[in-house]
Protein backbone atom coordinates (compact mmCIF):
# COMPACT_ATOMS: atom_id res chain seq x y z
CA MET A 1 57.03 19.92 -42.17
CA THR A 2 54.92 18.76 -45.00
CA SER A 3 53.94 15.24 -44.56
CA MET A 4 53.30 12.27 -47.10
CA ALA A 5 49.33 12.08 -46.31
CA LEU A 6 47.71 9.24 -48.03
CA SER A 7 44.20 9.42 -49.13
CA GLN A 8 41.66 6.51 -48.05
CA GLY A 9 41.65 3.89 -51.10
CA GLU A 10 45.16 5.16 -52.26
CA ARG A 11 47.48 2.10 -52.57
CA LEU A 12 51.28 0.95 -51.62
CA GLY A 13 51.47 -2.09 -53.48
CA PRO A 14 49.34 -4.82 -52.09
CA TYR A 15 48.12 -2.76 -49.28
CA GLU A 16 44.83 -0.09 -49.60
CA VAL A 17 44.81 2.74 -47.08
CA LEU A 18 41.71 2.60 -45.02
CA ALA A 19 41.91 5.44 -42.45
CA PRO A 20 44.77 7.39 -40.54
CA LEU A 21 45.76 6.20 -37.22
CA GLY A 22 48.15 8.58 -35.58
CA ALA A 23 51.85 10.41 -36.49
CA GLY A 24 54.86 10.53 -34.74
CA GLY A 25 58.24 11.99 -35.41
CA MET A 26 59.10 8.57 -37.10
CA GLY A 27 56.47 8.35 -39.30
CA GLU A 28 52.75 8.50 -39.98
CA VAL A 29 50.58 5.23 -39.47
CA TYR A 30 47.46 4.33 -41.26
CA GLN A 31 44.88 1.09 -41.08
CA ALA A 32 44.97 -0.43 -44.18
CA ARG A 33 44.00 -3.72 -46.21
CA ASP A 34 46.66 -6.49 -47.57
CA THR A 35 44.76 -7.21 -51.01
CA ARG A 36 46.29 -10.17 -51.14
CA LEU A 37 45.50 -12.06 -47.84
CA GLY A 38 42.14 -10.29 -47.12
CA ARG A 39 43.52 -9.04 -43.38
CA GLU A 40 43.97 -5.62 -41.87
CA VAL A 41 47.26 -4.80 -40.79
CA ALA A 42 48.92 -1.25 -39.72
CA ILE A 43 51.06 0.79 -41.80
CA LYS A 44 53.69 3.25 -40.71
CA VAL A 45 55.53 5.25 -43.33
CA LEU A 46 58.01 7.54 -43.52
CA PRO A 47 57.30 11.32 -44.09
CA GLU A 48 58.67 12.57 -47.51
CA GLU A 49 61.38 15.00 -46.10
CA LEU A 50 62.83 12.46 -43.85
CA PHE A 51 62.89 9.76 -46.45
CA ARG A 52 66.15 11.92 -47.48
CA ASP A 53 67.27 12.20 -44.19
CA GLY A 54 70.29 9.29 -43.68
CA GLY A 55 70.16 9.01 -39.98
CA ARG A 56 65.96 9.17 -39.79
CA LEU A 57 65.59 6.54 -42.48
CA LYS A 58 68.18 4.41 -41.13
CA ARG A 59 66.26 4.73 -37.13
CA PHE A 60 63.17 3.99 -39.33
CA GLU A 61 64.69 0.63 -40.69
CA GLN A 62 66.01 -0.29 -37.37
CA GLU A 63 62.45 -0.04 -35.69
CA ALA A 64 61.60 -2.66 -38.05
CA ARG A 65 64.12 -4.84 -37.77
CA SER A 66 64.55 -4.63 -34.03
CA ALA A 67 60.63 -5.43 -33.50
CA SER A 68 60.65 -8.22 -35.94
CA ALA A 69 63.47 -10.14 -34.13
CA LEU A 70 61.53 -10.26 -31.00
CA ASN A 71 58.58 -12.78 -30.71
CA HIS A 72 56.08 -11.55 -27.56
CA PRO A 73 52.78 -10.82 -26.87
CA ASN A 74 53.11 -7.68 -25.46
CA ILE A 75 55.30 -6.48 -28.49
CA ILE A 76 53.86 -5.32 -31.59
CA THR A 77 54.17 -8.18 -34.27
CA VAL A 78 56.03 -6.44 -37.21
CA HIS A 79 55.31 -8.44 -40.44
CA GLN A 80 57.61 -7.12 -42.92
CA ILE A 81 59.14 -3.87 -44.35
CA GLU A 82 58.55 -2.62 -47.89
CA GLN A 83 59.18 0.25 -50.44
CA SER A 84 56.72 1.60 -52.61
CA GLY A 85 58.51 3.74 -55.09
CA PRO A 86 60.31 6.63 -53.15
CA ILE A 87 57.91 4.89 -49.81
CA LEU A 88 59.10 3.19 -46.93
CA PHE A 89 56.89 1.55 -44.84
CA ILE A 90 56.65 -1.02 -41.96
CA VAL A 91 53.59 -3.49 -42.06
CA MET A 92 52.39 -3.92 -38.92
CA GLU A 93 49.78 -5.97 -37.14
CA LEU A 94 46.57 -3.38 -36.38
CA VAL A 95 45.85 -3.34 -33.13
CA ALA A 96 42.46 -2.18 -31.88
CA GLY A 97 42.43 0.09 -28.23
CA LYS A 98 43.39 3.32 -26.46
CA THR A 99 47.11 4.06 -26.03
CA LEU A 100 48.16 4.57 -22.11
CA ARG A 101 48.33 8.12 -22.69
CA GLU A 102 44.41 7.99 -23.42
CA LEU A 103 43.88 6.20 -20.98
CA LEU A 104 45.49 8.52 -18.19
CA LEU A 105 43.73 11.68 -19.41
CA PRO A 106 41.24 10.92 -16.77
CA GLY A 107 43.64 10.94 -13.83
CA PRO A 108 45.51 7.63 -12.41
CA LEU A 109 44.58 4.10 -12.96
CA SER A 110 43.68 2.20 -9.95
CA ILE A 111 46.13 0.20 -8.46
CA LYS A 112 44.78 -2.95 -9.79
CA LYS A 113 44.90 -1.68 -13.24
CA ALA A 114 48.16 0.05 -13.37
CA LEU A 115 49.67 -3.34 -11.94
CA LEU A 116 47.87 -5.47 -14.66
CA ILE A 117 49.21 -2.84 -17.44
CA ALA A 118 52.77 -2.46 -15.89
CA ASN A 119 53.23 -6.36 -15.58
CA GLN A 120 52.58 -6.49 -19.22
CA VAL A 121 54.98 -3.99 -20.17
CA ALA A 122 58.20 -5.34 -17.89
CA ASP A 123 57.64 -8.87 -19.63
CA GLY A 124 57.92 -7.47 -23.06
CA LEU A 125 60.60 -5.20 -21.94
CA ALA A 126 62.47 -8.25 -20.13
CA CYS A 127 61.65 -10.23 -23.24
CA ALA A 128 63.42 -7.20 -25.50
CA HIS A 129 66.41 -7.13 -22.96
CA GLU A 130 67.42 -10.53 -23.10
CA ALA A 131 67.90 -10.05 -26.88
CA GLY A 132 70.14 -7.67 -26.56
CA ILE A 133 67.42 -4.97 -27.21
CA VAL A 134 66.82 -1.61 -25.59
CA HIS A 135 63.69 0.59 -26.83
CA ARG A 136 65.09 4.15 -25.94
CA ASP A 137 61.75 5.97 -26.18
CA LEU A 138 59.24 4.05 -23.87
CA LYS A 139 56.11 6.46 -23.04
CA PRO A 140 52.61 6.40 -22.52
CA GLU A 141 52.18 7.13 -26.35
CA ASN A 142 54.07 4.08 -27.12
CA LEU A 143 51.78 1.41 -25.24
CA MET A 144 48.83 0.37 -26.24
CA VAL A 145 45.75 -1.02 -24.00
CA THR A 146 43.30 -3.45 -26.13
CA LYS A 147 39.67 -3.63 -25.07
CA ASP A 148 40.40 -6.80 -23.08
CA ASP A 149 43.60 -5.63 -21.11
CA ARG A 150 46.26 -6.63 -23.99
CA VAL A 151 49.25 -4.25 -23.49
CA LYS A 152 51.31 -3.92 -26.85
CA ILE A 153 54.41 -2.24 -27.02
CA LEU A 154 54.81 0.27 -29.93
CA ASP A 155 57.72 2.17 -31.71
CA PHE A 156 60.76 0.50 -31.16
CA GLY A 157 62.35 3.45 -33.56
CA LEU A 158 65.05 4.18 -31.22
CA ALA A 159 66.07 1.02 -30.25
CA LYS A 160 69.53 -0.28 -30.52
CA LEU A 161 71.89 -3.88 -30.07
CA THR A 162 73.62 -3.18 -26.69
CA LEU A 163 77.06 -4.12 -27.44
CA ALA A 164 77.38 -6.77 -24.49
CA ALA A 165 74.72 -8.72 -27.39
CA LEU A 166 77.02 -7.88 -30.33
CA GLU A 167 80.23 -8.81 -28.39
CA ASN A 168 78.47 -12.39 -27.21
CA GLY A 169 77.30 -13.17 -30.58
CA SER A 170 73.49 -12.23 -29.93
CA PRO A 171 71.66 -13.87 -32.69
CA THR A 172 70.02 -10.44 -33.01
CA ALA A 173 73.32 -9.39 -33.39
CA THR A 174 73.59 -9.56 -37.29
CA THR A 175 69.63 -8.17 -37.77
CA VAL A 176 69.51 -5.26 -35.35
CA MET A 177 72.19 -2.46 -35.94
CA GLY A 178 72.81 0.50 -33.66
CA VAL A 179 72.75 3.95 -34.92
CA THR A 180 73.37 6.04 -32.43
CA GLU A 181 76.81 7.26 -30.77
CA PRO A 182 77.19 8.94 -27.20
CA GLY A 183 76.62 12.61 -26.89
CA VAL A 184 73.52 12.17 -29.50
CA VAL A 185 70.26 12.59 -27.16
CA LEU A 186 67.53 10.93 -28.58
CA GLY A 187 64.05 10.35 -26.82
CA THR A 188 61.50 11.85 -25.38
CA VAL A 189 62.08 14.82 -23.04
CA GLY A 190 59.85 14.06 -19.73
CA TYR A 191 60.61 9.86 -20.29
CA MET A 192 64.44 9.75 -20.76
CA SER A 193 66.86 8.48 -18.04
CA PRO A 194 69.76 10.67 -16.34
CA GLU A 195 72.18 9.25 -18.59
CA GLN A 196 69.89 9.35 -21.64
CA ALA A 197 69.30 13.30 -21.01
CA SER A 198 72.83 13.99 -20.76
CA GLY A 199 74.32 12.39 -24.20
CA LEU A 200 75.79 9.10 -22.80
CA ALA A 201 75.84 5.71 -23.87
CA VAL A 202 72.40 3.87 -22.61
CA ASP A 203 71.70 -0.06 -21.81
CA TYR A 204 69.18 -1.88 -20.97
CA ARG A 205 68.74 0.00 -17.45
CA SER A 206 67.56 3.44 -19.17
CA ASP A 207 64.44 1.95 -20.05
CA GLN A 208 63.75 0.69 -16.73
CA PHE A 209 63.78 4.28 -16.00
CA SER A 210 61.44 5.53 -18.35
CA PHE A 211 59.34 2.64 -17.26
CA GLY A 212 59.85 3.65 -13.78
CA SER A 213 58.53 7.17 -14.89
CA ILE A 214 55.60 5.57 -16.73
CA LEU A 215 54.45 3.81 -13.69
CA TYR A 216 54.76 7.03 -11.20
CA GLU A 217 52.26 8.16 -13.71
CA MET A 218 50.16 5.72 -13.81
CA THR A 219 49.90 5.69 -9.85
CA THR A 220 50.02 9.25 -9.32
CA GLY A 221 48.16 10.73 -12.49
CA ARG A 222 51.35 13.19 -12.62
CA ARG A 223 54.40 13.28 -14.59
CA ALA A 224 57.13 12.29 -12.47
CA PHE A 225 59.44 14.85 -14.00
CA ARG A 226 57.62 17.93 -16.29
CA LYS A 227 58.96 21.42 -15.99
CA LYS A 228 57.94 24.69 -17.97
CA THR A 229 60.75 24.25 -20.76
CA ALA A 230 62.04 20.95 -22.21
CA ALA A 231 65.57 21.87 -21.00
CA GLN A 232 64.25 22.41 -17.17
CA THR A 233 62.82 19.04 -17.75
CA LEU A 234 65.81 17.69 -18.29
CA GLY A 235 67.73 19.26 -15.82
CA ALA A 236 64.87 18.19 -13.29
CA ILE A 237 65.53 13.98 -14.82
CA ILE A 238 69.28 14.45 -14.15
CA GLN A 239 69.15 15.91 -10.82
CA ASP A 240 65.89 15.97 -8.84
CA GLU A 241 63.41 13.46 -7.39
CA PRO A 242 59.86 13.61 -8.55
CA GLU A 243 57.62 14.18 -5.36
CA PRO A 244 57.29 10.84 -3.17
CA ILE A 245 54.44 8.46 -4.60
CA ALA A 246 52.74 8.46 -0.75
CA SER A 247 52.06 11.72 -0.46
CA LEU A 248 50.04 11.78 -4.11
CA ASN A 249 48.11 8.07 -3.21
CA GLN A 250 48.13 6.67 0.01
CA LYS A 251 46.56 3.58 -1.66
CA ALA A 252 49.74 2.74 -3.85
CA PRO A 253 51.47 -0.11 -1.51
CA ALA A 254 54.71 0.03 -0.59
CA PRO A 255 56.10 -2.74 -2.53
CA LEU A 256 54.78 -0.98 -5.57
CA ARG A 257 56.12 2.19 -4.29
CA TRP A 258 59.90 0.81 -3.69
CA ILE A 259 59.74 -0.46 -7.45
CA VAL A 260 59.10 3.11 -8.59
CA GLU A 261 62.09 4.22 -6.28
CA ARG A 262 64.25 1.89 -7.67
CA CYS A 263 64.13 2.66 -11.19
CA LEU A 264 63.76 5.86 -10.61
CA SER A 265 67.46 5.83 -9.42
CA LYS A 266 69.92 8.52 -10.63
CA ASP A 267 72.53 5.92 -11.21
CA PRO A 268 71.67 2.93 -13.32
CA ASN A 269 73.56 0.63 -10.83
CA ASP A 270 71.16 1.41 -8.44
CA ARG A 271 68.44 0.18 -10.61
CA TYR A 272 67.83 -3.97 -11.53
CA ALA A 273 70.81 -5.76 -12.37
CA SER A 274 68.09 -7.61 -14.60
CA THR A 275 64.72 -6.36 -16.16
CA ARG A 276 63.20 -9.99 -15.46
CA ASP A 277 63.80 -9.29 -12.03
CA LEU A 278 61.62 -6.24 -12.15
CA ALA A 279 58.99 -7.88 -13.41
CA ARG A 280 59.05 -11.26 -11.05
CA GLU A 281 58.75 -8.27 -8.50
CA LEU A 282 55.74 -6.78 -10.10
CA GLY A 283 54.50 -10.43 -10.45
CA VAL A 284 54.63 -10.63 -6.92
CA ILE A 285 52.76 -7.72 -5.84
CA TRP A 286 50.04 -8.83 -8.27
CA GLN A 287 49.71 -12.23 -6.95
CA HIS A 288 49.31 -10.54 -3.32
CA LEU A 289 47.65 -7.27 -4.04
CA SER A 290 44.53 -8.16 -1.89
CA GLU A 291 47.15 -8.92 1.21
CA LEU A 292 48.78 -5.33 0.17
CA THR A 293 45.86 -3.09 -0.28
CA GLY A 294 43.94 -4.79 2.76
CA THR A 295 43.81 -3.62 6.25
CA SER A 296 45.58 -6.28 7.89
CA GLY A 297 48.72 -7.66 7.69
CA SER A 298 52.52 -5.95 7.05
CA VAL A 299 52.72 -4.88 3.56
CA ALA A 300 56.39 -4.90 3.69
CA LYS A 301 56.70 -8.44 5.17
CA VAL A 302 54.66 -9.34 2.20
CA ALA A 303 57.10 -8.38 0.03
CA LEU A 304 60.05 -9.15 1.44
CA GLU A 305 59.45 -12.26 2.38
CA LYS A 306 57.66 -13.77 -1.09
CA GLY A 307 59.12 -11.67 -3.85
CA PRO A 308 62.71 -10.64 -4.40
CA LYS A 309 64.71 -8.41 -2.20
CA ARG A 310 64.55 -4.65 -3.11
CA PHE A 311 68.37 -4.32 -3.18
CA ALA A 312 70.97 -7.11 -3.44
């Protein structure tokens, strides 16, 4: 597929392209300078062939509207969506740092680092879910970590407004439109939820499963579900259990393992009724990390007495 590659110095309206930052299925990202405000931004440009694809175009516009409807320090700030001639692009804040995928290349993260990242991701997801927005493509490539360990969730390109939010008259319901139907599989193989891999309707609990897959990988250095082919990987997501974390990383506190196990439950009803509850449990583990990783005391006692119970 030929992409609409931009060169250094090229202009898109008031934006001057400085350098390429990356590319994905939904577009190419460039570092650019806003000549009006004198600030550097990131712009995501829809590839030329996909511009004529109605479904991809809708999802690209969906990303801008979904993300711009949110206001949270751990979610990328979208300034606006613009068009310059035949080119449609999103203008976003420029985040300097590395993706979680890059951080994971050497191997698993320390428990402290993993929790620091996980807490921020869960908090950002809770904000999105409370607004009725499901990410649908959460993966290490879509998590940016700055030099001061601030996490930003990227790419709401596959996000959709949940039916509950529409029924309840969410203020974002007028700006965020669902563009997928049950039976259509969208997302990234290896991080999908079982219901997503099966082409079923999804809600916020699907993001919890993806989050659990990421937390598993941060803790063990291995992907929770990875087979020789995409079809086999999807099958594993639907029916197999990953290798227990305890057998791969004995330093992982039991309460953290329990959270991962609950997020990776095949039945959405066995996950968290609220992503805010998930974020709170992670917060409790972070606050008592020294107790949980020490040689004295009971990790289970700390988790059960000072945090939300694992199952309702």
